[in-house]
Amino acid sequence: MRKTVSTDKAPAAIGPYSQANIFGDLVFTSGQIPLNPTTGEIVGTTIEEQTRQVFSNIKAILEAAGSSLDKVLKTTVFIKDMNDFGKMNEIYAEYFTEGAYPSRSAVEVARLPKDVLVEVETIAYL
């Protein structure tokens, strides 16, 4: 049975999708971009600032689902410029525990919604 997750502590969906879905003991978050949940405006102009906001949004959604960043099993990172990967990776590492890092894919893409620099989706457990 699927349960939809929604919180005002993360940006509202900007299309026909849910912030996250729970199926069984797994939480699947939609890709999060660096939007301020209150204003809907893009936060930051650098990859570091935008990555921090993305993880703030993911954290809020996972907590609303009854999970946490510590329970993330898999991430997919979409990055506009792979030259920013090292800087993004430094911020990314702040949100996970060494030795228990999630599995990850990272893909450079031509364009992201609202022309942001990074988008991240996760799969976590409850």
N, C-alpha and C. Protein backbone atom coordinates (compact mmCIF):
# COMPACT_ATOMS: atom_id res chain seq x y z
N MET A 1 0.84 -1.17 0.00
CA MET A 1 0.00 0.00 0.00
C MET A 1 0.89 1.24 0.00
N ARG A 2 0.58 2.19 -0.85
CA ARG A 2 1.35 3.41 -0.99
C ARG A 2 0.74 4.52 -0.15
N LYS A 3 1.64 5.32 0.46
CA LYS A 3 1.22 6.51 1.21
C LYS A 3 2.00 7.70 0.66
N THR A 4 1.30 8.79 0.41
CA THR A 4 1.92 10.01 -0.10
C THR A 4 2.39 10.87 1.07
N VAL A 5 3.57 11.46 0.91
CA VAL A 5 4.15 12.33 1.93
C VAL A 5 4.12 13.77 1.44
N SER A 6 3.72 14.66 2.33
CA SER A 6 3.70 16.09 2.01
C SER A 6 4.02 16.88 3.26
N THR A 7 4.88 17.88 3.12
CA THR A 7 5.21 18.77 4.23
C THR A 7 5.42 20.18 3.72
N ASP A 8 5.04 21.16 4.51
CA ASP A 8 5.28 22.55 4.13
C ASP A 8 6.69 23.00 4.51
N LYS A 9 7.49 22.09 5.08
CA LYS A 9 8.88 22.40 5.43
C LYS A 9 9.82 22.15 4.26
N ALA A 10 9.25 21.72 3.14
CA ALA A 10 9.99 21.53 1.89
C ALA A 10 9.15 22.15 0.78
N PRO A 11 9.77 22.47 -0.34
CA PRO A 11 9.00 23.11 -1.41
C PRO A 11 7.86 22.23 -1.90
N ALA A 12 6.74 22.86 -2.20
CA ALA A 12 5.61 22.15 -2.79
C ALA A 12 6.01 21.66 -4.18
N ALA A 13 5.42 20.59 -4.60
CA ALA A 13 5.68 20.07 -5.94
C ALA A 13 5.33 21.13 -6.98
N ILE A 14 6.17 21.26 -8.00
CA ILE A 14 5.93 22.23 -9.06
C ILE A 14 5.40 21.53 -10.32
N GLY A 15 4.78 20.40 -10.10
CA GLY A 15 4.19 19.63 -11.19
C GLY A 15 3.35 18.51 -10.62
N PRO A 16 2.92 17.59 -11.47
CA PRO A 16 2.05 16.50 -11.02
C PRO A 16 2.85 15.35 -10.40
N TYR A 17 3.42 15.60 -9.23
CA TYR A 17 4.16 14.57 -8.50
C TYR A 17 4.07 14.84 -7.02
N SER A 18 4.46 13.86 -6.22
CA SER A 18 4.46 13.98 -4.76
C SER A 18 5.87 14.29 -4.27
N GLN A 19 5.96 14.92 -3.11
CA GLN A 19 7.29 15.14 -2.52
C GLN A 19 7.96 13.79 -2.25
N ALA A 20 7.15 12.82 -1.80
CA ALA A 20 7.67 11.47 -1.56
C ALA A 20 6.52 10.50 -1.48
N ASN A 21 6.85 9.24 -1.65
CA ASN A 21 5.90 8.15 -1.47
C ASN A 21 6.53 7.10 -0.58
N ILE A 22 5.72 6.54 0.28
CA ILE A 22 6.15 5.41 1.11
C ILE A 22 5.50 4.16 0.53
N PHE A 23 6.30 3.14 0.34
CA PHE A 23 5.79 1.85 -0.10
C PHE A 23 6.47 0.81 0.76
N GLY A 24 5.68 0.09 1.52
CA GLY A 24 6.26 -0.85 2.48
C GLY A 24 7.07 -0.07 3.50
N ASP A 25 8.32 -0.45 3.64
CA ASP A 25 9.22 0.24 4.57
C ASP A 25 10.18 1.20 3.87
N LEU A 26 9.89 1.52 2.61
CA LEU A 26 10.78 2.39 1.85
C LEU A 26 10.13 3.74 1.55
N VAL A 27 10.97 4.77 1.56
CA VAL A 27 10.55 6.13 1.23
C VAL A 27 11.30 6.54 -0.04
N PHE A 28 10.55 6.95 -1.04
CA PHE A 28 11.11 7.40 -2.31
C PHE A 28 10.84 8.89 -2.43
N THR A 29 11.90 9.71 -2.34
CA THR A 29 11.69 11.16 -2.49
C THR A 29 11.79 11.53 -3.96
N SER A 30 11.00 12.51 -4.35
CA SER A 30 11.16 13.09 -5.68
C SER A 30 12.45 13.90 -5.67
N GLY A 31 12.97 14.16 -6.85
CA GLY A 31 14.16 14.99 -6.95
C GLY A 31 13.91 16.34 -6.33
N GLN A 32 14.84 16.77 -5.50
CA GLN A 32 14.72 18.06 -4.83
C GLN A 32 15.73 19.04 -5.42
N ILE A 33 15.24 20.23 -5.70
CA ILE A 33 16.11 21.31 -6.17
C ILE A 33 16.17 22.37 -5.06
N PRO A 34 17.08 23.32 -5.18
CA PRO A 34 17.31 24.27 -4.08
C PRO A 34 16.29 25.40 -4.00
N LEU A 35 15.06 25.02 -3.71
CA LEU A 35 14.01 26.03 -3.54
C LEU A 35 13.75 26.29 -2.07
N ASN A 36 13.53 27.54 -1.73
CA ASN A 36 13.10 27.90 -0.39
C ASN A 36 11.65 27.43 -0.24
N PRO A 37 11.35 26.64 0.81
CA PRO A 37 10.00 26.11 0.96
C PRO A 37 8.92 27.18 1.18
N THR A 38 9.30 28.32 1.70
CA THR A 38 8.33 29.38 1.98
C THR A 38 8.07 30.25 0.77
N THR A 39 9.15 30.66 0.09
CA THR A 39 9.01 31.61 -1.01
C THR A 39 8.95 30.95 -2.38
N GLY A 40 9.47 29.74 -2.48
CA GLY A 40 9.54 29.07 -3.78
C GLY A 40 10.67 29.59 -4.65
N GLU A 41 11.50 30.45 -4.08
CA GLU A 41 12.62 31.03 -4.83
C GLU A 41 13.86 30.13 -4.72
N ILE A 42 14.71 30.21 -5.73
CA ILE A 42 15.97 29.45 -5.73
C ILE A 42 16.87 30.03 -4.65
N VAL A 43 17.50 29.14 -3.88
CA VAL A 43 18.43 29.54 -2.83
C VAL A 43 19.85 29.36 -3.34
N GLY A 44 20.62 30.42 -3.35
CA GLY A 44 22.03 30.36 -3.68
C GLY A 44 22.33 30.40 -5.17
N THR A 45 23.56 30.80 -5.44
CA THR A 45 24.04 30.84 -6.81
C THR A 45 25.22 29.90 -7.03
N THR A 46 25.77 29.36 -5.93
CA THR A 46 26.90 28.45 -6.05
C THR A 46 26.43 27.01 -5.84
N ILE A 47 27.23 26.08 -6.29
CA ILE A 47 26.90 24.66 -6.11
C ILE A 47 26.84 24.31 -4.63
N GLU A 48 27.69 24.93 -3.81
CA GLU A 48 27.68 24.64 -2.38
C GLU A 48 26.38 25.10 -1.73
N GLU A 49 25.98 26.33 -1.99
CA GLU A 49 24.74 26.86 -1.42
C GLU A 49 23.53 26.05 -1.88
N GLN A 50 23.50 25.74 -3.15
CA GLN A 50 22.37 25.00 -3.68
C GLN A 50 22.32 23.57 -3.14
N THR A 51 23.46 22.93 -2.99
CA THR A 51 23.49 21.57 -2.44
C THR A 51 22.99 21.56 -1.01
N ARG A 52 23.38 22.53 -0.22
CA ARG A 52 22.90 22.62 1.18
C ARG A 52 21.37 22.76 1.23
N GLN A 53 20.81 23.59 0.36
CA GLN A 53 19.36 23.76 0.36
C GLN A 53 18.66 22.48 -0.10
N VAL A 54 19.22 21.81 -1.08
CA VAL A 54 18.65 20.55 -1.54
C VAL A 54 18.57 19.57 -0.36
N PHE A 55 19.64 19.45 0.41
CA PHE A 55 19.62 18.51 1.53
C PHE A 55 18.74 18.97 2.67
N SER A 56 18.57 20.26 2.83
CA SER A 56 17.61 20.75 3.82
C SER A 56 16.21 20.31 3.43
N ASN A 57 15.88 20.40 2.15
CA ASN A 57 14.58 19.97 1.66
C ASN A 57 14.39 18.46 1.81
N ILE A 58 15.40 17.70 1.44
CA ILE A 58 15.32 16.23 1.56
C ILE A 58 15.13 15.83 3.02
N LYS A 59 15.90 16.44 3.90
CA LYS A 59 15.81 16.14 5.34
C LYS A 59 14.38 16.37 5.84
N ALA A 60 13.78 17.49 5.45
CA ALA A 60 12.41 17.80 5.89
C ALA A 60 11.41 16.77 5.39
N ILE A 61 11.55 16.36 4.16
CA ILE A 61 10.63 15.37 3.58
C ILE A 61 10.80 14.02 4.26
N LEU A 62 12.05 13.59 4.44
CA LEU A 62 12.28 12.31 5.10
C LEU A 62 11.73 12.31 6.52
N GLU A 63 11.93 13.40 7.25
CA GLU A 63 11.40 13.49 8.61
C GLU A 63 9.87 13.45 8.62
N ALA A 64 9.25 14.11 7.64
CA ALA A 64 7.78 14.06 7.55
C ALA A 64 7.29 12.65 7.27
N ALA A 65 8.13 11.86 6.62
CA ALA A 65 7.78 10.47 6.31
C ALA A 65 8.07 9.53 7.47
N GLY A 66 8.78 10.01 8.50
CA GLY A 66 9.16 9.16 9.61
C GLY A 66 10.52 8.51 9.42
N SER A 67 11.33 9.08 8.55
CA SER A 67 12.66 8.56 8.26
C SER A 67 13.69 9.65 8.55
N SER A 68 14.90 9.49 8.03
CA SER A 68 15.95 10.48 8.24
C SER A 68 17.07 10.27 7.24
N LEU A 69 17.97 11.22 7.18
CA LEU A 69 19.13 11.09 6.30
C LEU A 69 19.98 9.88 6.67
N ASP A 70 19.99 9.50 7.94
CA ASP A 70 20.76 8.33 8.38
C ASP A 70 20.24 7.03 7.78
N LYS A 71 19.01 7.07 7.26
CA LYS A 71 18.38 5.87 6.73
C LYS A 71 18.33 5.86 5.20
N VAL A 72 19.06 6.77 4.58
CA VAL A 72 19.09 6.81 3.12
C VAL A 72 19.97 5.66 2.61
N LEU A 73 19.40 4.89 1.69
CA LEU A 73 20.10 3.75 1.10
C LEU A 73 20.72 4.10 -0.24
N LYS A 74 20.07 4.99 -0.99
CA LYS A 74 20.49 5.29 -2.37
C LYS A 74 20.17 6.74 -2.69
N THR A 75 21.10 7.39 -3.37
CA THR A 75 20.84 8.73 -3.89
C THR A 75 21.15 8.75 -5.38
N THR A 76 20.48 9.63 -6.07
CA THR A 76 20.82 9.94 -7.45
C THR A 76 21.02 11.45 -7.51
N VAL A 77 22.19 11.85 -7.97
CA VAL A 77 22.56 13.26 -8.05
C VAL A 77 22.58 13.66 -9.53
N PHE A 78 21.84 14.69 -9.84
CA PHE A 78 21.84 15.26 -11.18
C PHE A 78 22.55 16.60 -11.07
N ILE A 79 23.63 16.77 -11.81
CA ILE A 79 24.45 17.97 -11.68
C ILE A 79 24.61 18.61 -13.06
N LYS A 80 24.50 19.92 -13.09
CA LYS A 80 24.56 20.63 -14.37
C LYS A 80 25.96 20.62 -14.97
N ASP A 81 26.99 20.66 -14.11
CA ASP A 81 28.37 20.73 -14.59
C ASP A 81 29.23 19.82 -13.74
N MET A 82 29.75 18.76 -14.33
CA MET A 82 30.55 17.79 -13.58
C MET A 82 31.82 18.43 -13.02
N ASN A 83 32.21 19.59 -13.52
CA ASN A 83 33.34 20.31 -12.93
C ASN A 83 33.02 20.76 -11.50
N ASP A 84 31.74 20.82 -11.15
CA ASP A 84 31.32 21.19 -9.79
C ASP A 84 31.19 19.97 -8.88
N PHE A 85 31.48 18.80 -9.39
CA PHE A 85 31.27 17.57 -8.62
C PHE A 85 32.04 17.57 -7.30
N GLY A 86 33.30 17.97 -7.31
CA GLY A 86 34.12 17.96 -6.09
C GLY A 86 33.53 18.86 -5.01
N LYS A 87 33.10 20.05 -5.39
CA LYS A 87 32.50 20.99 -4.44
C LYS A 87 31.18 20.44 -3.91
N MET A 88 30.36 19.89 -4.81
CA MET A 88 29.09 19.29 -4.39
C MET A 88 29.36 18.13 -3.44
N ASN A 89 30.35 17.32 -3.76
CA ASN A 89 30.67 16.13 -2.98
C ASN A 89 31.10 16.49 -1.56
N GLU A 90 31.81 17.59 -1.40
CA GLU A 90 32.21 18.03 -0.05
C GLU A 90 30.99 18.34 0.80
N ILE A 91 30.02 19.03 0.24
CA ILE A 91 28.79 19.35 0.98
C ILE A 91 27.98 18.08 1.20
N TYR A 92 27.84 17.27 0.18
CA TYR A 92 27.11 15.99 0.26
C TYR A 92 27.61 15.17 1.44
N ALA A 93 28.93 15.07 1.59
CA ALA A 93 29.53 14.26 2.65
C ALA A 93 29.17 14.75 4.05
N GLU A 94 28.82 16.01 4.20
CA GLU A 94 28.43 16.56 5.51
C GLU A 94 27.12 15.97 6.01
N TYR A 95 26.31 15.44 5.12
CA TYR A 95 24.98 14.96 5.47
C TYR A 95 24.89 13.46 5.73
N PHE A 96 26.00 12.75 5.52
CA PHE A 96 26.00 11.31 5.71
C PHE A 96 27.17 10.89 6.58
N THR A 97 27.05 9.71 7.21
CA THR A 97 28.06 9.20 8.11
C THR A 97 29.07 8.36 7.35
N GLU A 98 30.35 8.70 7.51
CA GLU A 98 31.39 7.93 6.85
C GLU A 98 31.30 6.47 7.30
N GLY A 99 31.45 5.57 6.37
CA GLY A 99 31.32 4.15 6.67
C GLY A 99 29.91 3.64 6.47
N ALA A 100 28.94 4.56 6.35
CA ALA A 100 27.55 4.18 6.11
C ALA A 100 26.96 5.04 4.99
N TYR A 101 27.83 5.43 4.05
CA TYR A 101 27.35 6.23 2.94
C TYR A 101 26.33 5.45 2.11
N PRO A 102 25.33 6.15 1.58
CA PRO A 102 24.38 5.47 0.69
C PRO A 102 25.04 5.13 -0.65
N SER A 103 24.44 4.19 -1.36
CA SER A 103 24.84 3.97 -2.75
C SER A 103 24.49 5.24 -3.51
N ARG A 104 25.20 5.51 -4.62
CA ARG A 104 24.93 6.77 -5.32
C ARG A 104 25.23 6.63 -6.80
N SER A 105 24.41 7.32 -7.58
CA SER A 105 24.69 7.57 -8.99
C SER A 105 24.80 9.07 -9.14
N ALA A 106 25.68 9.52 -10.03
CA ALA A 106 25.80 10.95 -10.30
C ALA A 106 25.86 11.12 -11.81
N VAL A 107 25.02 12.01 -12.31
CA VAL A 107 24.88 12.19 -13.74
C VAL A 107 24.92 13.67 -14.09
N GLU A 108 25.75 14.02 -15.07
CA GLU A 108 25.71 15.39 -15.58
C GLU A 108 24.56 15.49 -16.57
N VAL A 109 23.79 16.56 -16.42
CA VAL A 109 22.63 16.76 -17.29
C VAL A 109 22.73 18.12 -17.99
N ALA A 110 22.04 18.24 -19.11
CA ALA A 110 22.10 19.48 -19.88
C ALA A 110 21.35 20.61 -19.18
N ARG A 111 20.25 20.26 -18.51
CA ARG A 111 19.45 21.31 -17.89
C ARG A 111 18.59 20.71 -16.78
N LEU A 112 18.37 21.49 -15.74
CA LEU A 112 17.52 21.09 -14.62
C LEU A 112 16.38 22.09 -14.47
N PRO A 113 15.31 21.71 -13.76
CA PRO A 113 14.21 22.65 -13.56
C PRO A 113 14.70 23.98 -12.98
N LYS A 114 14.15 25.05 -13.50
CA LYS A 114 14.47 26.41 -13.06
C LYS A 114 15.95 26.74 -13.24
N ASP A 115 16.64 25.97 -14.06
CA ASP A 115 18.06 26.17 -14.37
C ASP A 115 18.96 26.13 -13.13
N VAL A 116 18.59 25.30 -12.15
CA VAL A 116 19.43 25.14 -10.97
C VAL A 116 20.66 24.32 -11.31
N LEU A 117 21.58 24.23 -10.37
CA LEU A 117 22.85 23.53 -10.59
C LEU A 117 22.83 22.07 -10.17
N VAL A 118 21.88 21.70 -9.28
CA VAL A 118 21.88 20.34 -8.73
C VAL A 118 20.47 19.92 -8.33
N GLU A 119 20.21 18.63 -8.48
CA GLU A 119 18.96 18.01 -8.02
C GLU A 119 19.34 16.64 -7.46
N VAL A 120 18.70 16.27 -6.35
CA VAL A 120 19.00 14.98 -5.71
C VAL A 120 17.71 14.28 -5.35
N GLU A 121 17.65 12.99 -5.62
CA GLU A 121 16.54 12.14 -5.17
C GLU A 121 17.10 11.04 -4.29
N THR A 122 16.27 10.52 -3.39
CA THR A 122 16.75 9.51 -2.46
C THR A 122 15.75 8.36 -2.31
N ILE A 123 16.28 7.25 -1.84
CA ILE A 123 15.48 6.12 -1.36
C ILE A 123 15.99 5.84 0.05
N ALA A 124 15.06 5.83 1.01
CA ALA A 124 15.41 5.58 2.41
C ALA A 124 14.46 4.54 2.98
N TYR A 125 14.78 4.06 4.17
CA TYR A 125 13.87 3.14 4.85
C TYR A 125 13.30 3.83 6.08
N LEU A 126 12.21 3.26 6.59
CA LEU A 126 11.55 3.82 7.77
C LEU A 126 12.23 3.33 9.04
